[in-house]
Amino acid sequence: MHVIHVKGLTKRFGTLVAVDNLTLTVAKGESFALVGPDGAGKTTTIRLLCGIMDPDSGWGKVLTYDTIRETERIKDRIGYMPQRFGLYDDLTVAENLAFYADIYRVPKDLRRGRTKELLEFARLEQFQSRLAAKLSGGMRQKLGLICTLVHRPEIIFLDEPTFGVDPVSRREFWQILYQLQLSGITIFLSTSYMDEAERAHRVGLLHRGRLLLTDTPRSVRASFQGELLELKNAELHKIKKILDDHPLVQQTYLMGERLMITVDQSTRALATLQQYLAASGISDVILKTAEPGLEDVFVQIIRCREEETRSLEKGNTARPDKLADPDN
């Protein structure tokens, strides 16, 4: 059963197409991670699905309700946690929960038990009298999440929920999400962390408003074209320039303290590239094969898409007559 179903969703802000012809389905109980660079359209997509803004074209249904005409019904049955969740710093943890229980019209006779349950669930019961302003970043995110859950939504939308949060708090946050999944809640989140995307049932890559692929993390990794090498050295930028023009190298990109190199056959390329770098005066190179991750696949797809776009734009400039009349 699909609890999210959208087709052709498009949203423009002036000349900027923030979401471009989005078509997507998400099943009940599924966790779906939307990934993409800054400005890809992730936040706009979530706002469209939540009924916070209307599309310029296309349609969407969430829990069978139309995202334009039945927004209030959608909002009653979903939870939405934006990047900057609206906690009130001058209220305590318990008071913030009570405030959101009021907003969601949670019956008075259910509040005491639900508040206790949520505080225990997020391990915040001993902090319920602490002001929100005094909470750590990870604790604030957990409080924001349980405020989103106070009315027991069927779907929760999370917009980069762990951005800027320390690794330990991120892990604790995901432990809570795992428990939510076990209870049957559908989770739709955007994230810039690939390790988080790996934990979802399916991932979608959004780039310049267009959804380039959706699949399981395992299938996405298996779609990598070619083989991957990892290089470590103190002069990565210099090495990248040297290798970019080598005939065995398909693509290079920097990832932290590593240079990732895509080749056709790693066994052939390893020795050849080592020798080539040595002849270029580069020593102390650590070069080995690597398993492609989601980020490697996404970089490859985005690079290919950008190259196609540049080729088309170049063709448009060079031969406008051919484009105007294909029979010419």
C-alpha atoms as a PDB file:
ATOM      1  CA  MET A   1       0.000   0.000   0.000  1.00  0.00           C
ATOM      2  CA  HIS A   2       1.396   3.401  -0.996  1.00  0.00           C
ATOM      3  CA  VAL A   3       1.008   6.100   1.651  1.00  0.00           C
ATOM      4  CA  ILE A   4       2.847   8.683  -0.498  1.00  0.00           C
ATOM      5  CA  HIS A   5       2.118   8.919  -4.215  1.00  0.00           C
ATOM      6  CA  VAL A   6       3.094  11.933  -6.298  1.00  0.00           C
ATOM      7  CA  LYS A   7       3.312  12.446 -10.038  1.00  0.00           C
ATOM      8  CA  GLY A   8       4.835  15.304 -12.002  1.00  0.00           C
ATOM      9  CA  LEU A   9       5.189  17.622  -8.997  1.00  0.00           C
ATOM     10  CA  THR A  10       6.821  20.875 -10.041  1.00  0.00           C
ATOM     11  CA  LYS A  11       7.531  23.982  -7.981  1.00  0.00           C
ATOM     12  CA  ARG A  12       9.109  27.185  -9.270  1.00  0.00           C
ATOM     13  CA  PHE A  13      10.380  30.278  -7.500  1.00  0.00           C
ATOM     14  CA  GLY A  14      10.651  32.846 -10.271  1.00  0.00           C
ATOM     15  CA  THR A  15      13.017  31.364 -12.862  1.00  0.00           C
ATOM     16  CA  LEU A  16      14.330  28.725 -10.430  1.00  0.00           C
ATOM     17  CA  VAL A  17      12.773  25.273 -10.767  1.00  0.00           C
ATOM     18  CA  ALA A  18      13.138  23.953  -7.202  1.00  0.00           C
ATOM     19  CA  VAL A  19      11.304  20.671  -7.848  1.00  0.00           C
ATOM     20  CA  ASP A  20      11.125  19.437 -11.412  1.00  0.00           C
ATOM     21  CA  ASN A  21       8.508  16.858 -12.466  1.00  0.00           C
ATOM     22  CA  LEU A  22       8.863  14.689  -9.342  1.00  0.00           C
ATOM     23  CA  THR A  23       7.226  11.271  -9.508  1.00  0.00           C
ATOM     24  CA  LEU A  24       7.553   9.000  -6.476  1.00  0.00           C
ATOM     25  CA  THR A  25       5.806   6.404  -4.333  1.00  0.00           C
ATOM     26  CA  VAL A  26       6.560   5.347  -0.749  1.00  0.00           C
ATOM     27  CA  ALA A  27       5.034   2.269   0.855  1.00  0.00           C
ATOM     28  CA  LYS A  28       3.478   2.007   4.300  1.00  0.00           C
ATOM     29  CA  GLY A  29       6.131   1.271   6.939  1.00  0.00           C
ATOM     30  CA  GLU A  30       8.996   2.123   4.598  1.00  0.00           C
ATOM     31  CA  SER A  31      11.899   4.424   5.410  1.00  0.00           C
ATOM     32  CA  PHE A  32      12.859   6.597   2.453  1.00  0.00           C
ATOM     33  CA  ALA A  33      15.959   8.827   2.442  1.00  0.00           C
ATOM     34  CA  LEU A  34      16.158  11.754   0.037  1.00  0.00           C
ATOM     35  CA  VAL A  35      19.746  12.842  -0.567  1.00  0.00           C
ATOM     36  CA  GLY A  36      21.305  15.541  -2.693  1.00  0.00           C
ATOM     37  CA  PRO A  37      23.602  18.578  -2.538  1.00  0.00           C
ATOM     38  CA  ASP A  38      22.555  21.880  -0.984  1.00  0.00           C
ATOM     39  CA  GLY A  39      19.937  23.566  -3.147  1.00  0.00           C
ATOM     40  CA  ALA A  40      18.820  20.288  -4.730  1.00  0.00           C
ATOM     41  CA  GLY A  41      15.190  20.818  -3.659  1.00  0.00           C
ATOM     42  CA  LYS A  42      14.972  18.465  -0.677  1.00  0.00           C
ATOM     43  CA  THR A  43      13.273  20.895   1.706  1.00  0.00           C
ATOM     44  CA  THR A  44      10.835  22.091  -0.970  1.00  0.00           C
ATOM     45  CA  THR A  45       9.922  18.471  -1.759  1.00  0.00           C
ATOM     46  CA  ILE A  46       9.097  17.754   1.883  1.00  0.00           C
ATOM     47  CA  ARG A  47       7.036  20.940   2.183  1.00  0.00           C
ATOM     48  CA  LEU A  48       5.060  19.983  -0.918  1.00  0.00           C
ATOM     49  CA  LEU A  49       4.368  16.516   0.500  1.00  0.00           C
ATOM     50  CA  CYS A  50       3.271  17.967   3.832  1.00  0.00           C
ATOM     51  CA  GLY A  51       0.851  20.375   2.142  1.00  0.00           C
ATOM     52  CA  ILE A  52       2.743  23.418   3.443  1.00  0.00           C
ATOM     53  CA  MET A  53       3.074  24.801  -0.091  1.00  0.00           C
ATOM     54  CA  ASP A  54       1.234  24.061  -3.330  1.00  0.00           C
ATOM     55  CA  PRO A  55       2.917  22.805  -6.506  1.00  0.00           C
ATOM     56  CA  ASP A  56       2.713  24.746  -9.751  1.00  0.00           C
ATOM     57  CA  SER A  57       1.816  21.536 -11.570  1.00  0.00           C
ATOM     58  CA  GLY A  58       1.436  17.823 -10.922  1.00  0.00           C
ATOM     59  CA  TRP A  59      -0.413  16.160  -8.074  1.00  0.00           C
ATOM     60  CA  GLY A  60       0.264  14.367  -4.823  1.00  0.00           C
ATOM     61  CA  LYS A  61      -1.555  12.158  -2.346  1.00  0.00           C
ATOM     62  CA  VAL A  62      -0.443  11.455   1.218  1.00  0.00           C
ATOM     63  CA  LEU A  63      -2.451   8.820   3.093  1.00  0.00           C
ATOM     64  CA  THR A  64      -4.932   9.006   0.170  1.00  0.00           C
ATOM     65  CA  TYR A  65      -5.509  12.758   0.786  1.00  0.00           C
ATOM     66  CA  ASP A  66      -4.829  15.376  -1.870  1.00  0.00           C
ATOM     67  CA  THR A  67      -1.869  17.583  -0.925  1.00  0.00           C
ATOM     68  CA  ILE A  68      -3.650  20.713  -2.196  1.00  0.00           C
ATOM     69  CA  ARG A  69      -7.322  20.272  -1.318  1.00  0.00           C
ATOM     70  CA  GLU A  70      -7.072  18.165   1.863  1.00  0.00           C
ATOM     71  CA  THR A  71      -4.071  19.621   3.656  1.00  0.00           C
ATOM     72  CA  GLU A  72      -5.705  19.765   7.103  1.00  0.00           C
ATOM     73  CA  ARG A  73      -6.506  16.056   6.992  1.00  0.00           C
ATOM     74  CA  ILE A  74      -2.901  15.332   6.040  1.00  0.00           C
ATOM     75  CA  LYS A  75      -1.499  17.495   8.844  1.00  0.00           C
ATOM     76  CA  ASP A  76      -3.620  15.679  11.429  1.00  0.00           C
ATOM     77  CA  ARG A  77      -2.029  12.343  10.501  1.00  0.00           C
ATOM     78  CA  ILE A  78       1.600  13.237   9.831  1.00  0.00           C
ATOM     79  CA  GLY A  79       4.499  14.656  11.812  1.00  0.00           C
ATOM     80  CA  TYR A  80       6.874  17.218  10.306  1.00  0.00           C
ATOM     81  CA  MET A  81      10.235  18.110  11.804  1.00  0.00           C
ATOM     82  CA  PRO A  82      11.972  20.901   9.855  1.00  0.00           C
ATOM     83  CA  GLN A  83      15.687  21.646  10.083  1.00  0.00           C
ATOM     84  CA  ARG A  84      15.029  24.267  12.754  1.00  0.00           C
ATOM     85  CA  PHE A  85      12.249  22.763  14.817  1.00  0.00           C
ATOM     86  CA  GLY A  86      10.224  25.323  16.767  1.00  0.00           C
ATOM     87  CA  LEU A  87      11.185  24.535  20.350  1.00  0.00           C
ATOM     88  CA  TYR A  88      10.549  27.268  22.907  1.00  0.00           C
ATOM     89  CA  ASP A  89      13.747  27.940  24.819  1.00  0.00           C
ATOM     90  CA  ASP A  90      11.959  29.509  27.791  1.00  0.00           C
ATOM     91  CA  LEU A  91       9.827  26.371  28.286  1.00  0.00           C
ATOM     92  CA  THR A  92      10.990  23.136  29.883  1.00  0.00           C
ATOM     93  CA  VAL A  93      11.129  19.805  28.096  1.00  0.00           C
ATOM     94  CA  ALA A  94       7.768  18.775  29.582  1.00  0.00           C
ATOM     95  CA  GLU A  95       6.207  22.166  28.796  1.00  0.00           C
ATOM     96  CA  ASN A  96       7.302  21.962  25.152  1.00  0.00           C
ATOM     97  CA  LEU A  97       5.646  18.544  24.914  1.00  0.00           C
ATOM     98  CA  ALA A  98       2.464  19.915  26.491  1.00  0.00           C
ATOM     99  CA  PHE A  99       2.462  22.854  24.078  1.00  0.00           C
ATOM    100  CA  TYR A 100       2.607  20.553  21.036  1.00  0.00           C
ATOM    101  CA  ALA A 101      -0.012  18.288  22.553  1.00  0.00           C
ATOM    102  CA  ASP A 102      -2.268  21.383  22.613  1.00  0.00           C
ATOM    103  CA  ILE A 103      -1.453  22.205  18.973  1.00  0.00           C
ATOM    104  CA  TYR A 104      -2.287  18.653  17.874  1.00  0.00           C
ATOM    105  CA  ARG A 105      -5.393  18.539  20.096  1.00  0.00           C
ATOM    106  CA  VAL A 106      -4.308  15.438  21.999  1.00  0.00           C
ATOM    107  CA  PRO A 107      -7.141  14.543  24.420  1.00  0.00           C
ATOM    108  CA  LYS A 108      -6.433  15.564  28.028  1.00  0.00           C
ATOM    109  CA  ASP A 109      -6.993  12.056  29.389  1.00  0.00           C
ATOM    110  CA  LEU A 110      -4.244  10.648  27.120  1.00  0.00           C
ATOM    111  CA  ARG A 111      -1.569  13.259  27.716  1.00  0.00           C
ATOM    112  CA  ARG A 112      -0.065  12.077  30.986  1.00  0.00           C
ATOM    113  CA  GLY A 113       0.535   8.535  29.759  1.00  0.00           C
ATOM    114  CA  ARG A 114       1.737   9.638  26.324  1.00  0.00           C
ATOM    115  CA  THR A 115       4.128  12.239  27.756  1.00  0.00           C
ATOM    116  CA  LYS A 116       5.665   9.647  30.100  1.00  0.00           C
ATOM    117  CA  GLU A 117       5.945   7.159  27.258  1.00  0.00           C
ATOM    118  CA  LEU A 118       7.660   9.624  24.916  1.00  0.00           C
ATOM    119  CA  LEU A 119      10.092  10.925  27.531  1.00  0.00           C
ATOM    120  CA  GLU A 120      11.158   7.367  28.352  1.00  0.00           C
ATOM    121  CA  PHE A 121      11.319   6.535  24.645  1.00  0.00           C
ATOM    122  CA  ALA A 122      13.808   9.383  24.033  1.00  0.00           C
ATOM    123  CA  ARG A 123      15.582   8.917  27.393  1.00  0.00           C
ATOM    124  CA  LEU A 124      14.669  12.444  28.404  1.00  0.00           C
ATOM    125  CA  GLU A 125      12.605  11.679  31.517  1.00  0.00           C
ATOM    126  CA  GLN A 126      15.331  12.922  33.900  1.00  0.00           C
ATOM    127  CA  PHE A 127      15.563  16.194  31.925  1.00  0.00           C
ATOM    128  CA  GLN A 128      11.860  17.038  31.737  1.00  0.00           C
ATOM    129  CA  SER A 129      12.259  20.029  34.063  1.00  0.00           C
ATOM    130  CA  ARG A 130      15.229  21.459  32.139  1.00  0.00           C
ATOM    131  CA  LEU A 131      14.713  24.494  29.925  1.00  0.00           C
ATOM    132  CA  ALA A 132      15.018  23.746  26.221  1.00  0.00           C
ATOM    133  CA  ALA A 133      17.673  26.476  25.985  1.00  0.00           C
ATOM    134  CA  LYS A 134      19.908  24.390  28.281  1.00  0.00           C
ATOM    135  CA  LEU A 135      19.750  21.202  26.186  1.00  0.00           C
ATOM    136  CA  SER A 136      22.588  19.928  24.011  1.00  0.00           C
ATOM    137  CA  GLY A 137      22.109  19.791  20.238  1.00  0.00           C
ATOM    138  CA  GLY A 138      21.376  16.059  20.303  1.00  0.00           C
ATOM    139  CA  MET A 139      18.874  16.383  23.139  1.00  0.00           C
ATOM    140  CA  ARG A 140      17.096  19.232  21.339  1.00  0.00           C
ATOM    141  CA  GLN A 141      16.710  17.017  18.264  1.00  0.00           C
ATOM    142  CA  LYS A 142      15.271  14.194  20.344  1.00  0.00           C
ATOM    143  CA  LEU A 143      12.851  16.598  22.013  1.00  0.00           C
ATOM    144  CA  GLY A 144      11.833  17.931  18.605  1.00  0.00           C
ATOM    145  CA  LEU A 145      11.182  14.391  17.428  1.00  0.00           C
ATOM    146  CA  ILE A 146       8.959  13.397  20.341  1.00  0.00           C
ATOM    147  CA  CYS A 147       7.037  16.680  20.009  1.00  0.00           C
ATOM    148  CA  THR A 148       6.439  15.599  16.391  1.00  0.00           C
ATOM    149  CA  LEU A 149       5.228  12.196  17.664  1.00  0.00           C
ATOM    150  CA  VAL A 150       2.925  13.428  20.433  1.00  0.00           C
ATOM    151  CA  HIS A 151      -0.241  12.862  18.339  1.00  0.00           C
ATOM    152  CA  ARG A 152       0.968   9.456  17.035  1.00  0.00           C
ATOM    153  CA  PRO A 153       1.319  10.256  13.319  1.00  0.00           C
ATOM    154  CA  GLU A 154       1.310   7.568  10.638  1.00  0.00           C
ATOM    155  CA  ILE A 155       4.106   9.246   8.643  1.00  0.00           C
ATOM    156  CA  ILE A 156       6.923  11.464   9.895  1.00  0.00           C
ATOM    157  CA  PHE A 157       8.791  13.847   7.599  1.00  0.00           C
ATOM    158  CA  LEU A 158      12.276  14.765   8.840  1.00  0.00           C
ATOM    159  CA  ASP A 159      14.292  17.465   7.085  1.00  0.00           C
ATOM    160  CA  GLU A 160      18.003  16.803   7.790  1.00  0.00           C
ATOM    161  CA  PRO A 161      17.179  15.906  11.414  1.00  0.00           C
ATOM    162  CA  THR A 162      20.761  15.244  12.553  1.00  0.00           C
ATOM    163  CA  PHE A 163      22.548  18.067  10.735  1.00  0.00           C
ATOM    164  CA  GLY A 164      25.249  19.513  13.002  1.00  0.00           C
ATOM    165  CA  VAL A 165      24.649  16.898  15.701  1.00  0.00           C
ATOM    166  CA  ASP A 166      27.577  14.973  17.198  1.00  0.00           C
ATOM    167  CA  PRO A 167      28.100  11.315  16.111  1.00  0.00           C
ATOM    168  CA  VAL A 168      26.951   9.808  19.426  1.00  0.00           C
ATOM    169  CA  SER A 169      23.694  11.789  19.384  1.00  0.00           C
ATOM    170  CA  ARG A 170      23.165  10.880  15.719  1.00  0.00           C
ATOM    171  CA  ARG A 171      23.448   7.203  16.614  1.00  0.00           C
ATOM    172  CA  GLU A 172      20.986   7.596  19.501  1.00  0.00           C
ATOM    173  CA  PHE A 173      18.575   9.457  17.219  1.00  0.00           C
ATOM    174  CA  TRP A 174      18.680   6.602  14.700  1.00  0.00           C
ATOM    175  CA  GLN A 175      18.063   4.042  17.439  1.00  0.00           C
ATOM    176  CA  ILE A 176      14.806   5.889  18.103  1.00  0.00           C
ATOM    177  CA  LEU A 177      13.954   5.849  14.394  1.00  0.00           C
ATOM    178  CA  TYR A 178      14.559   2.085  14.248  1.00  0.00           C
ATOM    179  CA  GLN A 179      12.047   1.603  17.054  1.00  0.00           C
ATOM    180  CA  LEU A 180       9.549   3.782  15.206  1.00  0.00           C
ATOM    181  CA  GLN A 181       9.985   1.659  12.081  1.00  0.00           C
ATOM    182  CA  LEU A 182       9.251  -1.481  14.081  1.00  0.00           C
ATOM    183  CA  SER A 183       5.967   0.098  15.175  1.00  0.00           C
ATOM    184  CA  GLY A 184       4.948   0.567  11.518  1.00  0.00           C
ATOM    185  CA  ILE A 185       5.478   4.315  11.144  1.00  0.00           C
ATOM    186  CA  THR A 186       6.561   5.453   7.675  1.00  0.00           C
ATOM    187  CA  ILE A 187       9.671   7.654   7.689  1.00  0.00           C
ATOM    188  CA  PHE A 188      10.533  10.125   4.936  1.00  0.00           C
ATOM    189  CA  LEU A 189      13.716  12.050   5.585  1.00  0.00           C
ATOM    190  CA  SER A 190      16.272  14.189   3.819  1.00  0.00           C
ATOM    191  CA  THR A 191      19.888  13.816   4.852  1.00  0.00           C
ATOM    192  CA  SER A 192      23.375  14.845   3.818  1.00  0.00           C
ATOM    193  CA  TYR A 193      24.944  11.879   5.635  1.00  0.00           C
ATOM    194  CA  MET A 194      25.469   8.831   3.438  1.00  0.00           C
ATOM    195  CA  ASP A 195      25.727   6.460   6.411  1.00  0.00           C
ATOM    196  CA  GLU A 196      22.188   7.530   7.355  1.00  0.00           C
ATOM    197  CA  ALA A 197      20.935   7.004   3.816  1.00  0.00           C
ATOM    198  CA  GLU A 198      22.388   3.473   3.957  1.00  0.00           C
ATOM    199  CA  ARG A 199      20.023   2.685   6.837  1.00  0.00           C
ATOM    200  CA  ALA A 200      16.889   3.464   4.832  1.00  0.00           C
ATOM    201  CA  HIS A 201      14.910   0.887   2.871  1.00  0.00           C
ATOM    202  CA  ARG A 202      15.258   3.034  -0.259  1.00  0.00           C
ATOM    203  CA  VAL A 203      17.157   6.141  -1.236  1.00  0.00           C
ATOM    204  CA  GLY A 204      16.458   8.812  -3.833  1.00  0.00           C
ATOM    205  CA  LEU A 205      19.013  11.132  -5.405  1.00  0.00           C
ATOM    206  CA  LEU A 206      17.742  14.658  -6.020  1.00  0.00           C
ATOM    207  CA  HIS A 207      19.824  17.036  -8.143  1.00  0.00           C
ATOM    208  CA  ARG A 208      18.683  20.473  -9.294  1.00  0.00           C
ATOM    209  CA  GLY A 209      15.104  19.550  -8.508  1.00  0.00           C
ATOM    210  CA  ARG A 210      15.116  16.307 -10.500  1.00  0.00           C
ATOM    211  CA  LEU A 211      14.927  12.848  -8.966  1.00  0.00           C
ATOM    212  CA  LEU A 212      17.717  10.978 -10.763  1.00  0.00           C
ATOM    213  CA  LEU A 213      17.185   7.546  -9.220  1.00  0.00           C
ATOM    214  CA  THR A 214      15.372   5.633  -6.482  1.00  0.00           C
ATOM    215  CA  ASP A 215      16.429   2.180  -5.316  1.00  0.00           C
ATOM    216  CA  THR A 216      17.672   0.194  -2.345  1.00  0.00           C
ATOM    217  CA  PRO A 217      21.119   1.191  -1.042  1.00  0.00           C
ATOM    218  CA  ARG A 218      22.486  -2.193  -2.096  1.00  0.00           C
ATOM    219  CA  SER A 219      21.203  -1.865  -5.664  1.00  0.00           C
ATOM    220  CA  VAL A 220      22.500   1.699  -5.907  1.00  0.00           C
ATOM    221  CA  ARG A 221      26.000   0.619  -4.874  1.00  0.00           C
ATOM    222  CA  ALA A 222      25.897  -2.248  -7.387  1.00  0.00           C
ATOM    223  CA  SER A 223      25.118   0.209 -10.198  1.00  0.00           C
ATOM    224  CA  PHE A 224      28.560   1.855 -10.003  1.00  0.00           C
ATOM    225  CA  GLN A 225      30.165   1.980 -13.447  1.00  0.00           C
ATOM    226  CA  GLY A 226      33.791   0.809 -13.522  1.00  0.00           C
ATOM    227  CA  GLU A 227      36.003   0.093 -10.523  1.00  0.00           C
ATOM    228  CA  LEU A 228      37.219   2.350  -7.751  1.00  0.00           C
ATOM    229  CA  LEU A 229      40.661   3.149  -6.384  1.00  0.00           C
ATOM    230  CA  GLU A 230      41.536   5.106  -3.262  1.00  0.00           C
ATOM    231  CA  LEU A 231      44.712   7.189  -3.065  1.00  0.00           C
ATOM    232  CA  LYS A 232      46.311   8.802  -0.023  1.00  0.00           C
ATOM    233  CA  ASN A 233      49.154  11.288  -0.119  1.00  0.00           C
ATOM    234  CA  ALA A 234      50.004  14.760   1.180  1.00  0.00           C
ATOM    235  CA  GLU A 235      49.678  16.312  -2.305  1.00  0.00           C
ATOM    236  CA  LEU A 236      46.184  15.237  -3.353  1.00  0.00           C
ATOM    237  CA  HIS A 237      45.345  18.383  -5.349  1.00  0.00           C
ATOM    238  CA  LYS A 238      48.570  18.106  -7.337  1.00  0.00           C
ATOM    239  CA  ILE A 239      48.016  14.389  -7.965  1.00  0.00           C
ATOM    240  CA  LYS A 240      44.449  15.015  -9.095  1.00  0.00           C
ATOM    241  CA  LYS A 241      45.678  17.401 -11.806  1.00  0.00           C
ATOM    242  CA  ILE A 242      48.275  14.859 -12.928  1.00  0.00           C
ATOM    243  CA  LEU A 243      45.807  11.959 -13.131  1.00  0.00           C
ATOM    244  CA  ASP A 244      42.854  13.804 -14.664  1.00  0.00           C
ATOM    245  CA  ASP A 245      44.313  13.463 -18.160  1.00  0.00           C
ATOM    246  CA  HIS A 246      45.575   9.885 -17.855  1.00  0.00           C
ATOM    247  CA  PRO A 247      43.902   7.558 -20.406  1.00  0.00           C
ATOM    248  CA  LEU A 248      43.096   4.890 -17.776  1.00  0.00           C
ATOM    249  CA  VAL A 249      41.353   7.368 -15.480  1.00  0.00           C
ATOM    250  CA  GLN A 250      37.643   7.961 -16.017  1.00  0.00           C
ATOM    251  CA  GLN A 251      36.997  10.304 -13.094  1.00  0.00           C
ATOM    252  CA  THR A 252      38.693  11.705  -9.988  1.00  0.00           C
ATOM    253  CA  TYR A 253      37.274  13.518  -6.990  1.00  0.00           C
ATOM    254  CA  LEU A 254      38.466  14.463  -3.535  1.00  0.00           C
ATOM    255  CA  MET A 255      36.768  12.965  -0.503  1.00  0.00           C
ATOM    256  CA  GLY A 256      38.296  14.251   2.715  1.00  0.00           C
ATOM    257  CA  GLU A 257      41.896  13.073   2.896  1.00  0.00           C
ATOM    258  CA  ARG A 258      41.478  10.678  -0.027  1.00  0.00           C
ATOM    259  CA  LEU A 259      41.447  10.946  -3.792  1.00  0.00           C
ATOM    260  CA  MET A 260      38.898   8.607  -5.363  1.00  0.00           C
ATOM    261  CA  ILE A 261      39.770   7.384  -8.860  1.00  0.00           C
ATOM    262  CA  THR A 262      37.397   5.584 -11.205  1.00  0.00           C
ATOM    263  CA  VAL A 263      38.986   3.206 -13.707  1.00  0.00           C
ATOM    264  CA  ASP A 264      37.792   0.473 -16.031  1.00  0.00           C
ATOM    265  CA  GLN A 265      39.930  -2.322 -14.524  1.00  0.00           C
ATOM    266  CA  SER A 266      41.624  -1.822 -11.165  1.00  0.00           C
ATOM    267  CA  THR A 267      44.181  -4.637 -11.537  1.00  0.00           C
ATOM    268  CA  ARG A 268      45.582  -3.068 -14.678  1.00  0.00           C
ATOM    269  CA  ALA A 269      45.423   0.497 -13.400  1.00  0.00           C
ATOM    270  CA  LEU A 270      47.089   0.014 -10.005  1.00  0.00           C
ATOM    271  CA  ALA A 271      50.620  -0.664 -11.235  1.00  0.00           C
ATOM    272  CA  THR A 272      50.372   1.683 -14.218  1.00  0.00           C
ATOM    273  CA  LEU A 273      49.240   4.670 -12.153  1.00  0.00           C
ATOM    274  CA  GLN A 274      51.854   4.002  -9.471  1.00  0.00           C
ATOM    275  CA  GLN A 275      54.575   4.083 -12.128  1.00  0.00           C
ATOM    276  CA  TYR A 276      53.077   7.149 -13.790  1.00  0.00           C
ATOM    277  CA  LEU A 277      53.052   9.094 -10.522  1.00  0.00           C
ATOM    278  CA  ALA A 278      56.613   8.019  -9.690  1.00  0.00           C
ATOM    279  CA  ALA A 279      57.749   9.257 -13.109  1.00  0.00           C
ATOM    280  CA  SER A 280      55.998  12.560 -12.336  1.00  0.00           C
ATOM    281  CA  GLY A 281      57.999  12.946  -9.124  1.00  0.00           C
ATOM    282  CA  ILE A 282      55.281  11.840  -6.692  1.00  0.00           C
ATOM    283  CA  SER A 283      56.409   9.425  -3.969  1.00  0.00           C
ATOM    284  CA  ASP A 284      54.916   7.887  -0.807  1.00  0.00           C
ATOM    285  CA  VAL A 285      51.642   7.128  -2.555  1.00  0.00           C
ATOM    286  CA  ILE A 286      49.199   4.689  -0.957  1.00  0.00           C
ATOM    287  CA  LEU A 287      46.969   3.382  -3.745  1.00  0.00           C
ATOM    288  CA  LYS A 288      44.510   0.515  -3.319  1.00  0.00           C
ATOM    289  CA  THR A 289      41.142  -0.751  -4.504  1.00  0.00           C
ATOM    290  CA  ALA A 290      37.999   0.461  -2.741  1.00  0.00           C
ATOM    291  CA  GLU A 291      34.369  -0.608  -2.538  1.00  0.00           C
ATOM    292  CA  PRO A 292      32.009   2.024  -3.985  1.00  0.00           C
ATOM    293  CA  GLY A 293      29.608   3.561  -1.492  1.00  0.00           C
ATOM    294  CA  LEU A 294      26.449   5.568  -2.075  1.00  0.00           C
ATOM    295  CA  GLU A 295      28.393   8.808  -2.265  1.00  0.00           C
ATOM    296  CA  ASP A 296      30.666   7.398  -4.981  1.00  0.00           C
ATOM    297  CA  VAL A 297      27.671   6.377  -7.080  1.00  0.00           C
ATOM    298  CA  PHE A 298      25.944   9.721  -6.569  1.00  0.00           C
ATOM    299  CA  VAL A 299      29.072  11.675  -7.532  1.00  0.00           C
ATOM    300  CA  GLN A 300      29.376   9.560 -10.676  1.00  0.00           C
ATOM    301  CA  ILE A 301      25.724  10.074 -11.654  1.00  0.00           C
ATOM    302  CA  ILE A 302      25.795  13.831 -11.008  1.00  0.00           C
ATOM    303  CA  ARG A 303      29.069  14.252 -12.919  1.00  0.00           C
ATOM    304  CA  CYS A 304      27.642  12.353 -15.904  1.00  0.00           C
ATOM    305  CA  ARG A 305      24.454  14.426 -15.819  1.00  0.00           C
ATOM    306  CA  GLU A 306      26.427  17.672 -15.704  1.00  0.00           C
ATOM    307  CA  GLU A 307      28.622  16.563 -18.614  1.00  0.00           C
ATOM    308  CA  GLU A 308      25.500  15.729 -20.641  1.00  0.00           C
ATOM    309  CA  THR A 309      24.052  19.150 -19.834  1.00  0.00           C
ATOM    310  CA  ARG A 310      27.250  20.923 -20.880  1.00  0.00           C
ATOM    311  CA  SER A 311      27.358  18.937 -24.116  1.00  0.00           C
ATOM    312  CA  LEU A 312      23.762  19.863 -24.907  1.00  0.00           C
ATOM    313  CA  GLU A 313      24.366  23.527 -24.113  1.00  0.00           C
ATOM    314  CA  LYS A 314      27.485  23.513 -26.275  1.00  0.00           C
ATOM    315  CA  GLY A 315      25.518  21.886 -29.084  1.00  0.00           C
ATOM    316  CA  ASN A 316      22.760  24.470 -28.741  1.00  0.00           C
ATOM    317  CA  THR A 317      25.289  27.268 -29.151  1.00  0.00           C
ATOM    318  CA  ALA A 318      27.270  25.634 -31.917  1.00  0.00           C
ATOM    319  CA  ARG A 319      24.452  24.364 -34.123  1.00  0.00           C
ATOM    320  CA  PRO A 320      21.149  26.109 -33.487  1.00  0.00           C
ATOM    321  CA  ASP A 321      20.042  25.394 -37.051  1.00  0.00           C
ATOM    322  CA  LYS A 322      20.283  21.641 -36.528  1.00  0.00           C
ATOM    323  CA  LEU A 323      18.185  21.836 -33.367  1.00  0.00           C
ATOM    324  CA  ALA A 324      15.566  23.990 -35.018  1.00  0.00           C
ATOM    325  CA  ASP A 325      15.149  21.594 -37.946  1.00  0.00           C
ATOM    326  CA  PRO A 326      16.127  17.940 -37.228  1.00  0.00           C
ATOM    327  CA  ASP A 327      15.644  17.030 -40.901  1.00  0.00           C
ATOM    328  CA  ASN A 328      18.200  19.577 -42.062  1.00  0.00           C
END
